[in-house]
Amino acid sequence: MAAFEYLALDARGRQQKGVLEADSARQVRQLLRERQLAPLEVKATRTREQAAGGRFSLSRGLSARDLALITRQLATLVQAALPIEEALRAAAAQSSNSRIQSMLLAVRARVLEGQSLASSLREFPAAFPDLYRATVAAGEHAGHLGPVLEQLADYTEQRQQSRQKIQLALLYPLILMCASLAIVTFLLGFVVPDVVRVFIDSGQPLPLLTRGLIALSDFVKHWGWLVLSLLLGAVLGGRWALRDASVRQRWHGVVLRVPLLGHLLRATDTARFASTLAILTRSGVPLVEALGIGAEVIANRVIRNHVVQVAQKVREGGSLTRALEGSGQFPPMMLHMIASGERSGELDQMLARTARNQENDLAAQIALLVGLFEPFMLIFMGAVVLVIVLAILLPILSLNQLVG
């Protein structure tokens, strides 16, 4: 059986979309008529190869929440001794998203053809990344797919929660900074010129602070659009330049050398690498293959290249700890814990523990920076307002003295 997407009209003339399993499109139309639906369009869900020549709606990835939910459902059903094809059909029926339904039913069709679950998931690489497929393949090979899927669901949920914590921590400072810049720009571009026009018309010499504020206001009013255009052009040009691998490599190296930002980015990537390596080794994926997959989750190309070299050294028989230490990209505490895991034979547990420690340290550092950033922005806004007030009050005081 295959999965078919349909578009039909109900008795009230409203369009209905969905997915059905059948042997042919003709059978789908028959099933729709039995449901009192008038079929308008019926088409088979296409795999990656079939969609290579054109646009394919299922090629888009899944959100971490959807992927974790699907994985949790499959883990529960498989551990309840339900065959994988039945588990896929039940998960598809449970989903209210037609795209997810089509994807799961297409995977089920591949499984019914005799393929393994991991090879069936390979048809949708954007939705099920290398890490996911390799872990599923290891679970199928070892015969404990249910527990492996449970671990994958936990891993995906933890990654999503960590990402949300960081995003929420950075949201308020970003809003505060944007609002502050907008207020300052409005004051300099529209408020200050009207206020200081009175002093200019008086013909009296103005204080230096007032003259500087007038010059800055004129610049913002007449050339602010140009500065904004240049900044936007620089951002777009930088994004275009970063498409080149060599430019991106050099840029990532520069970012790592920035005192505070480089430390945070390195901590983020090493924590992500450790947690990925932990789930893979715990699921039975060979260490060399796990290192190759773990390198792909690292965003910074400099660190990723070092991990690729680490995988090569381990493939040649070297120690994982020594290879990581030679890269110079991993913190000493992580190296000590990995070395302890290698000696005790509990590498996966030590990797998971060091990943948690790294993520907790990173969350604490971000919380500290956010806590310092908020009063800094308040002080900055207060200083800007103070300068504007002084620039306006000084000419008034001067005029009062002249009148007196």
Protein backbone atom coordinates (compact mmCIF):
# COMPACT_ATOMS: atom_id res chain seq x y z
CA MET A 1 0.00 0.00 0.00
CA ALA A 2 1.06 3.58 -0.62
CA ALA A 3 0.10 6.96 0.79
CA PHE A 4 -1.96 9.37 -1.30
CA GLU A 5 -2.71 13.05 -0.70
CA TYR A 6 -6.22 14.11 -1.70
CA LEU A 7 -8.26 17.26 -2.18
CA ALA A 8 -12.03 16.79 -2.09
CA LEU A 9 -15.34 18.62 -1.57
CA ASP A 10 -17.76 17.72 1.21
CA ALA A 11 -21.55 17.91 1.05
CA ARG A 12 -21.46 21.65 1.87
CA GLY A 13 -18.96 22.42 -0.90
CA ARG A 14 -16.01 22.99 1.42
CA GLN A 15 -12.58 21.70 0.48
CA GLN A 16 -11.10 18.88 2.54
CA LYS A 17 -7.44 17.82 2.49
CA GLY A 18 -5.88 14.71 3.91
CA VAL A 19 -3.91 11.54 3.40
CA LEU A 20 -5.16 8.01 2.77
CA GLU A 21 -3.45 4.67 2.31
CA ALA A 22 -4.53 2.56 -0.64
CA ASP A 23 -3.24 0.35 -3.41
CA SER A 24 -4.03 2.90 -6.11
CA ALA A 25 -5.41 6.37 -6.71
CA ARG A 26 -8.59 4.79 -8.01
CA GLN A 27 -9.15 3.06 -4.68
CA VAL A 28 -8.61 6.39 -2.89
CA ARG A 29 -11.33 8.01 -5.00
CA GLN A 30 -13.64 5.13 -4.16
CA LEU A 31 -12.94 5.53 -0.44
CA LEU A 32 -13.63 9.25 -0.67
CA ARG A 33 -16.96 8.67 -2.39
CA GLU A 34 -17.90 6.21 0.37
CA ARG A 35 -17.24 9.04 2.83
CA GLN A 36 -19.59 11.35 0.88
CA LEU A 37 -16.67 13.36 -0.49
CA ALA A 38 -16.22 14.42 -4.12
CA PRO A 39 -12.55 13.91 -5.07
CA LEU A 40 -10.88 16.80 -6.90
CA GLU A 41 -7.25 15.70 -6.85
CA VAL A 42 -5.46 12.55 -5.73
CA LYS A 43 -1.69 12.15 -5.93
CA ALA A 44 0.82 9.82 -4.38
CA THR A 45 3.22 11.20 -1.80
CA ARG A 46 6.61 11.36 -3.46
CA THR A 47 9.92 10.27 -2.09
CA ARG A 48 13.14 12.23 -2.30
CA GLU A 49 14.17 10.68 -5.60
CA GLN A 50 10.78 11.28 -7.18
CA ALA A 51 10.80 14.89 -6.02
CA ALA A 52 14.35 15.66 -7.15
CA GLY A 53 13.19 17.25 -10.36
CA GLY A 54 10.71 19.62 -8.80
CA ARG A 55 9.39 21.20 -5.68
CA PHE A 56 8.50 18.83 -2.88
CA SER A 57 6.52 19.93 0.16
CA LEU A 58 7.80 17.10 2.36
CA SER A 59 11.44 18.08 1.88
CA ARG A 60 11.15 20.68 4.61
CA GLY A 61 12.31 19.67 8.05
CA LEU A 62 10.33 19.06 11.21
CA SER A 63 10.43 21.28 14.25
CA ALA A 64 12.15 19.86 17.31
CA ARG A 65 8.80 19.67 19.09
CA ASP A 66 7.14 17.68 16.27
CA LEU A 67 10.14 15.38 15.94
CA ALA A 68 10.22 14.72 19.68
CA LEU A 69 6.47 14.03 19.75
CA ILE A 70 6.64 11.60 16.83
CA THR A 71 9.64 9.83 18.33
CA ARG A 72 7.95 9.55 21.72
CA GLN A 73 4.82 8.07 20.15
CA LEU A 74 6.81 5.56 18.11
CA ALA A 75 8.87 4.59 21.19
CA THR A 76 5.73 3.98 23.24
CA LEU A 77 4.08 1.92 20.51
CA VAL A 78 7.19 -0.14 19.71
CA GLN A 79 7.80 -0.88 23.39
CA ALA A 80 4.18 -2.05 23.56
CA ALA A 81 5.18 -4.81 21.06
CA LEU A 82 3.39 -3.17 18.13
CA PRO A 83 5.00 -3.80 14.73
CA ILE A 84 6.83 -0.78 13.35
CA GLU A 85 4.49 -0.45 10.36
CA GLU A 86 1.48 -0.34 12.69
CA ALA A 87 3.25 2.14 14.96
CA LEU A 88 3.90 4.41 11.98
CA ARG A 89 0.27 4.24 10.89
CA ALA A 90 -0.94 5.01 14.43
CA ALA A 91 1.46 7.97 14.73
CA ALA A 92 0.27 9.29 11.37
CA ALA A 93 -3.38 8.98 12.42
CA GLN A 94 -2.60 10.81 15.66
CA SER A 95 -1.06 13.80 13.87
CA SER A 96 -3.30 16.67 12.74
CA ASN A 97 -0.68 17.94 10.27
CA SER A 98 -1.28 16.55 6.79
CA ARG A 99 2.38 17.00 5.84
CA ILE A 100 3.51 14.89 8.80
CA GLN A 101 0.84 12.32 7.99
CA SER A 102 2.06 12.04 4.42
CA MET A 103 5.66 11.71 5.56
CA LEU A 104 4.95 8.97 8.08
CA LEU A 105 2.73 7.03 5.68
CA ALA A 106 5.41 7.29 2.98
CA VAL A 107 7.94 5.89 5.46
CA ARG A 108 5.47 3.11 6.32
CA ALA A 109 5.09 2.25 2.64
CA ARG A 110 8.87 1.80 2.40
CA VAL A 111 8.87 -0.40 5.50
CA LEU A 112 6.11 -2.55 4.00
CA GLU A 113 8.30 -2.98 0.92
CA GLY A 114 10.88 -4.68 3.14
CA GLN A 115 13.25 -1.80 3.92
CA SER A 116 14.47 -1.03 7.41
CA LEU A 117 13.15 1.96 9.31
CA ALA A 118 16.49 3.79 9.10
CA SER A 119 16.74 3.39 5.32
CA SER A 120 13.10 4.45 4.95
CA LEU A 121 13.78 7.61 6.97
CA ARG A 122 16.66 8.38 4.60
CA GLU A 123 14.07 9.51 2.03
CA PHE A 124 13.45 12.59 4.19
CA PRO A 125 16.89 13.84 5.28
CA ALA A 126 15.66 17.31 6.22
CA ALA A 127 13.14 15.89 8.69
CA PHE A 128 15.31 13.05 10.03
CA PRO A 129 18.99 14.14 10.17
CA ASP A 130 22.04 11.87 10.14
CA LEU A 131 22.13 11.68 13.92
CA TYR A 132 18.55 10.45 14.04
CA ARG A 133 18.93 7.87 11.29
CA ALA A 134 22.24 6.50 12.60
CA THR A 135 20.77 6.07 16.08
CA VAL A 136 17.69 4.30 14.69
CA ALA A 137 19.90 2.05 12.56
CA ALA A 138 21.97 1.11 15.61
CA GLY A 139 18.82 0.35 17.59
CA GLU A 140 17.44 -1.85 14.82
CA HIS A 141 20.76 -3.68 14.49
CA ALA A 142 20.96 -4.34 18.24
CA GLY A 143 17.30 -5.30 18.52
CA HIS A 144 16.28 -2.64 21.04
CA LEU A 145 14.60 -0.02 18.87
CA GLY A 146 12.08 1.02 21.54
CA PRO A 147 14.61 2.17 24.19
CA VAL A 148 16.69 3.87 21.49
CA LEU A 149 13.66 5.83 20.28
CA GLU A 150 12.96 6.78 23.90
CA GLN A 151 16.50 8.12 24.24
CA LEU A 152 16.13 10.02 20.97
CA ALA A 153 12.92 11.64 22.20
CA ASP A 154 14.61 12.68 25.47
CA TYR A 155 17.59 14.05 23.56
CA THR A 156 15.42 16.06 21.14
CA GLU A 157 13.31 17.50 23.97
CA GLN A 158 16.38 18.46 26.00
CA ARG A 159 17.93 20.20 22.99
CA GLN A 160 14.70 22.10 22.36
CA GLN A 161 14.42 23.16 26.00
CA SER A 162 18.02 24.38 26.06
CA ARG A 163 17.48 26.35 22.86
CA GLN A 164 14.29 27.93 24.23
CA LYS A 165 16.03 28.94 27.48
CA ILE A 166 18.75 30.75 25.56
CA GLN A 167 16.28 32.41 23.19
CA LEU A 168 14.05 33.60 26.04
CA ALA A 169 17.06 34.90 27.96
CA LEU A 170 18.18 36.96 24.96
CA LEU A 171 14.73 38.16 23.92
CA TYR A 172 14.25 40.90 26.53
CA PRO A 173 17.73 42.48 26.09
CA LEU A 174 17.24 42.57 22.31
CA ILE A 175 13.84 44.24 22.66
CA LEU A 176 15.28 46.73 25.14
CA MET A 177 18.21 47.57 22.87
CA CYS A 178 16.03 48.02 19.78
CA ALA A 179 13.57 50.20 21.71
CA SER A 180 16.41 52.32 23.10
CA LEU A 181 17.93 52.90 19.66
CA ALA A 182 14.52 53.75 18.21
CA ILE A 183 13.82 56.28 20.99
CA VAL A 184 17.21 57.94 20.63
CA THR A 185 16.81 58.15 16.86
CA PHE A 186 13.35 59.68 17.22
CA LEU A 187 14.59 62.26 19.71
CA LEU A 188 17.55 63.28 17.56
CA GLY A 189 15.61 63.29 14.29
CA PHE A 190 12.34 64.97 15.26
CA VAL A 191 12.26 66.37 18.80
CA VAL A 192 15.64 68.05 19.20
CA PRO A 193 15.51 70.11 15.93
CA ASP A 194 12.21 71.77 16.92
CA VAL A 195 13.43 72.56 20.43
CA VAL A 196 16.82 74.01 19.54
CA ARG A 197 15.43 76.11 16.67
CA VAL A 198 14.44 78.71 19.25
CA PHE A 199 18.03 79.05 20.44
CA ILE A 200 19.37 79.28 16.90
CA ASP A 201 16.93 82.08 16.06
CA SER A 202 18.01 84.04 19.14
CA GLY A 203 21.41 84.70 17.58
CA GLN A 204 23.24 84.05 20.84
CA PRO A 205 26.38 81.83 20.90
CA LEU A 206 25.44 78.31 21.92
CA PRO A 207 27.35 76.04 24.29
CA LEU A 208 29.57 73.37 22.81
CA LEU A 209 27.30 70.55 24.00
CA THR A 210 24.29 72.15 22.32
CA ARG A 211 26.16 72.70 19.05
CA GLY A 212 27.31 69.07 19.07
CA LEU A 213 23.75 67.87 19.67
CA ILE A 214 22.46 70.05 16.81
CA ALA A 215 25.14 68.66 14.48
CA LEU A 216 24.30 65.09 15.47
CA SER A 217 20.59 65.75 15.03
CA ASP A 218 21.14 67.21 11.55
CA PHE A 219 23.25 64.22 10.59
CA VAL A 220 20.59 61.75 11.76
CA LYS A 221 17.83 63.70 10.03
CA HIS A 222 19.59 64.07 6.68
CA TRP A 223 21.90 61.06 6.51
CA GLY A 224 20.31 58.53 8.83
CA TRP A 225 18.68 56.74 5.91
CA LEU A 226 22.07 56.39 4.25
CA VAL A 227 23.67 54.92 7.38
CA LEU A 228 20.77 52.48 7.73
CA SER A 229 21.08 51.50 4.07
CA LEU A 230 24.82 50.95 4.42
CA LEU A 231 24.32 48.79 7.50
CA LEU A 232 21.65 46.73 5.72
CA GLY A 233 23.89 46.39 2.68
CA ALA A 234 26.80 45.31 4.87
CA VAL A 235 24.65 42.63 6.51
CA LEU A 236 23.36 41.30 3.19
CA GLY A 237 26.85 41.44 1.67
CA GLY A 238 28.27 39.59 4.64
CA ARG A 239 25.63 36.86 4.35
CA TRP A 240 26.40 36.51 0.65
CA ALA A 241 30.16 36.36 1.29
CA LEU A 242 29.72 33.71 3.99
CA ARG A 243 28.38 31.32 1.34
CA ASP A 244 31.99 30.82 0.30
CA ALA A 245 33.56 28.07 2.40
CA SER A 246 36.96 29.76 2.75
CA VAL A 247 35.43 33.09 3.81
CA ARG A 248 33.17 31.32 6.31
CA GLN A 249 36.15 29.42 7.69
CA ARG A 250 38.13 32.64 8.26
CA TRP A 251 35.12 34.41 9.76
CA HIS A 252 34.48 31.59 12.22
CA GLY A 253 38.12 31.73 13.26
CA VAL A 254 37.83 35.49 13.89
CA VAL A 255 34.64 35.00 15.93
CA LEU A 256 36.33 32.44 18.17
CA ARG A 257 39.04 35.00 19.02
CA VAL A 258 36.53 37.57 20.27
CA PRO A 259 37.06 37.55 24.07
CA LEU A 260 33.54 36.91 25.38
CA LEU A 261 31.58 35.83 22.31
CA GLY A 262 34.17 33.26 21.29
CA HIS A 263 34.06 31.58 24.69
CA LEU A 264 30.26 31.32 24.60
CA LEU A 265 30.20 29.94 21.06
CA ARG A 266 32.91 27.40 21.86
CA ALA A 267 31.02 26.28 24.99
CA THR A 268 27.79 25.94 22.99
CA ASP A 269 29.37 23.82 20.26
CA THR A 270 31.35 21.57 22.61
CA ALA A 271 28.25 20.93 24.73
CA ARG A 272 26.21 20.08 21.62
CA PHE A 273 28.99 17.79 20.40
CA ALA A 274 29.26 15.98 23.74
CA SER A 275 25.50 15.39 24.03
CA THR A 276 25.32 14.15 20.43
CA LEU A 277 28.26 11.80 20.95
CA ALA A 278 26.66 10.52 24.16
CA ILE A 279 23.35 9.55 22.51
CA LEU A 280 25.15 7.89 19.61
CA THR A 281 27.58 5.82 21.69
CA ARG A 282 24.82 4.87 24.12
CA SER A 283 22.77 3.59 21.18
CA GLY A 284 25.61 1.40 19.93
CA VAL A 285 26.93 3.53 17.06
CA PRO A 286 30.68 2.91 16.53
CA LEU A 287 32.83 5.70 17.96
CA VAL A 288 34.45 6.72 14.66
CA GLU A 289 31.07 6.98 12.94
CA ALA A 290 29.67 8.84 15.96
CA LEU A 291 32.50 11.36 15.77
CA GLY A 292 31.76 12.00 12.10
CA ILE A 293 28.06 12.58 12.81
CA GLY A 294 28.88 14.67 15.90
CA ALA A 295 31.06 16.95 13.79
CA GLU A 296 28.06 17.81 11.61
CA VAL A 297 26.10 19.29 14.54
CA ILE A 298 28.89 21.79 15.29
CA ALA A 299 28.08 25.19 13.82
CA ASN A 300 31.58 26.69 13.91
CA ARG A 301 33.62 25.42 10.97
CA VAL A 302 36.96 25.74 12.78
CA ILE A 303 35.85 23.48 15.63
CA ARG A 304 34.16 21.14 13.15
CA ASN A 305 37.39 20.70 11.18
CA HIS A 306 39.25 19.91 14.39
CA VAL A 307 36.66 17.24 15.27
CA VAL A 308 37.05 15.73 11.79
CA GLN A 309 40.79 15.47 12.50
CA VAL A 310 39.98 13.92 15.88
CA ALA A 311 37.88 11.26 14.13
CA GLN A 312 40.79 10.52 11.80
CA LYS A 313 43.20 10.08 14.73
CA VAL A 314 40.76 7.76 16.52
CA ARG A 315 40.31 5.77 13.30
CA GLU A 316 44.08 5.31 13.23
CA GLY A 317 44.02 3.87 16.75
CA GLY A 318 44.59 6.95 18.87
CA SER A 319 42.90 7.79 22.16
CA LEU A 320 39.80 9.96 22.05
CA THR A 321 40.99 12.06 25.00
CA ARG A 322 44.41 12.74 23.50
CA ALA A 323 42.91 13.56 20.12
CA LEU A 324 40.45 16.03 21.67
CA GLU A 325 43.18 17.52 23.82
CA GLY A 326 45.39 18.02 20.77
CA SER A 327 42.65 20.01 19.04
CA GLY A 328 42.77 22.70 21.73
CA GLN A 329 39.03 23.38 21.41
CA PHE A 330 37.63 21.52 24.41
CA PRO A 331 37.70 22.62 28.08
CA PRO A 332 39.94 20.72 30.53
CA MET A 333 37.05 19.51 32.70
CA MET A 334 35.40 17.87 29.69
CA LEU A 335 38.68 16.19 28.75
CA HIS A 336 39.16 14.84 32.28
CA MET A 337 35.64 13.39 32.36
CA ILE A 338 36.04 11.81 28.91
CA ALA A 339 39.37 10.30 29.99
CA SER A 340 37.67 8.88 33.08
CA GLY A 341 34.92 7.40 30.89
CA GLU A 342 37.47 5.78 28.58
CA ARG A 343 39.33 4.20 31.52
CA SER A 344 36.16 2.93 33.21
CA GLY A 345 34.38 1.81 30.04
CA GLU A 346 31.48 4.24 30.69
CA LEU A 347 32.22 6.76 27.98
CA ASP A 348 28.58 7.38 27.07
CA GLN A 349 27.62 8.19 30.67
CA MET A 350 30.56 10.54 31.16
CA LEU A 351 29.81 12.27 27.85
CA ALA A 352 26.21 12.83 28.91
CA ARG A 353 27.35 14.16 32.30
CA THR A 354 29.90 16.55 30.84
CA ALA A 355 27.34 17.76 28.29
CA ARG A 356 24.91 18.58 31.11
CA ASN A 357 27.66 20.38 33.02
CA GLN A 358 28.59 22.39 29.96
CA GLU A 359 24.98 23.34 29.26
CA ASN A 360 24.40 24.36 32.88
CA ASP A 361 27.56 26.49 32.90
CA LEU A 362 26.54 28.07 29.60
CA ALA A 363 23.05 28.87 30.90
CA ALA A 364 24.55 30.44 34.04
CA GLN A 365 26.95 32.58 31.98
CA ILE A 366 24.18 33.76 29.68
CA ALA A 367 21.96 34.59 32.65
CA LEU A 368 24.82 36.61 34.18
CA LEU A 369 25.41 38.52 30.94
CA VAL A 370 21.71 39.24 30.55
CA GLY A 371 21.56 40.43 34.16
CA LEU A 372 24.44 42.83 33.48
CA PHE A 373 23.10 43.96 30.11
CA GLU A 374 19.76 45.21 31.45
CA PRO A 375 21.19 47.80 33.89
CA PHE A 376 23.78 48.77 31.29
CA MET A 377 21.04 49.64 28.80
CA LEU A 378 19.15 51.58 31.47
CA ILE A 379 22.29 53.53 32.33
CA PHE A 380 22.92 54.16 28.64
CA MET A 381 19.41 55.50 28.10
CA GLY A 382 19.68 57.64 31.20
CA ALA A 383 22.99 59.07 30.00
CA VAL A 384 21.55 59.87 26.56
CA VAL A 385 18.52 61.61 28.04
CA LEU A 386 20.78 63.52 30.45
CA VAL A 387 22.95 64.78 27.58
CA ILE A 388 19.88 65.89 25.61
CA VAL A 389 18.39 67.67 28.64
CA LEU A 390 21.67 69.42 29.43
CA ALA A 391 22.09 70.49 25.81
CA ILE A 392 18.65 72.11 25.97
CA LEU A 393 18.95 73.61 29.46
CA LEU A 394 22.39 75.21 29.02
CA PRO A 395 21.20 77.75 26.39
CA ILE A 396 18.16 78.53 28.56
CA LEU A 397 20.42 79.26 31.53
CA SER A 398 22.65 81.40 29.31
CA LEU A 399 19.62 83.41 28.11
CA ASN A 400 18.46 83.91 31.69
CA GLN A 401 21.86 85.22 32.66
CA LEU A 402 21.82 87.66 29.73
CA VAL A 403 18.35 88.87 30.67
CA GLY A 404 19.39 89.23 34.32
